[in-house]
Amino acid sequence: MRKLSMCVFLIAVCGLHLSFAQTPAVGSVERLDPALDAIVSSDATVEVLKGDYFGNAEGPLWIDDGPSGYLLFSDISANVIYKWEPVGELSVFIERTGLNDVTDRASLPHTAGYIGGFNGRFYPVSFGSNGVALDTEGRILWTAQGDRSVKRLEEDGTRTILADHYQGSRLNRPNDLVVRSDGWVYFTDPHSTNPGSGNVLPSSLYRVRDGNLELLADDIGPNGLTFSPDELYLYVTNAGTIVRYSVSADGSLSDRTDFSPTRCDGMKVDVNGNLYCASEANGGVVIISPEGERLGIILTPHDGDGPTNIGFGGPDSQTLYITIKRTLARIRLNVAGFRPNS
């Protein structure tokens, strides 16, 4: 009887050990398909560059500059765009990126937080810039949430508003953006349900160029978006799913399909068309093939929050930078990312 009990005990211990061994650790990669091996090496891990520091980090964008380059990213709560250099230096690149130009601040539900809650680095509310992108001339664009607009930084340091109204009504809270090779800027504008927000427009997907603002869809709950490398498809998050549109030669959209039942924030693609989805619900960055199959998950470190967005960078574009709300991290890949207008 004692031998039998001992055997049962050993089997239970071994089973528990296997259970722990089969659970990928935070910062590692959960492999769901053998095809992932060509994308992420088996020994690749997530490296934290700056942990537990930011208010709400978002929109990483790599800028080529000499032999190295640098990373730009938003802190929505700090109302700035930061610059991170490979030597480890962090500095403010642009100030007052989200709440800067508006005169009717009293209409914003977070005005009190803006005035009183600053802790030295950020405010307890999120009204700064979110998505960041490059246009076809290499100028920096961003979505200014507090100012309810899409902006461009000019060479002389001035700022141009690309869009802030549609049919006489102010935009809601522009979230993310991507620039097509013909210069059209596609951006998402979710409807805010905050009391006193003043939103009257539905959650919508737009594009703008040369002062022309076009509504593309208003039956969608959009957040992140990205083109496929050949620009034949546009991926857009829609509440808890990802939808895919076919893109015509003139940039118009058609043939909306449900691409993946994955809840995402920001998204990017690599040069082979694989989609990278920052997903708090899945605890990391979900990698999805062009056919819609989940290949794996980069499990990100967090302090109660999952990843918000991703961006490819480095001299070879094979480093994936990840914003995880309060943290900036990266992981090396075996494939280069698609970086529009870089």
Foldseek 3Di string as FASTA:
>chain_A
DVVVVVVVVVVVVVVVVVVVVQDDDFQAWFFDAPVCCLWAPRPWGKFFLDFQAAQFKAAWDWDDDPQKTWIWIDRQFQQFIWIAGPVSDIDTDGHNAAPDPDDPLVLAPCSVQVPPADPPRGTNDGQHWHHWAAFLVRWIWTFRFNQQFIWTQDPVRDIDTQDQDDPRHGFQGWAYWDADNVGKIKTWGDHDPDPSSRDDAATFIWITDPNDIDTQDRPFRWAAWEAFLVNQWIWTAGAQFIWIWGADPVGHTDDIDTQERHHAHYWFAFNQRWIWGFHFVVQATWTAHNNRHTGIGSHHDADPFTWHYWAFDTPQSQKIWTHGTSTIIIIGISTHTRGPSD
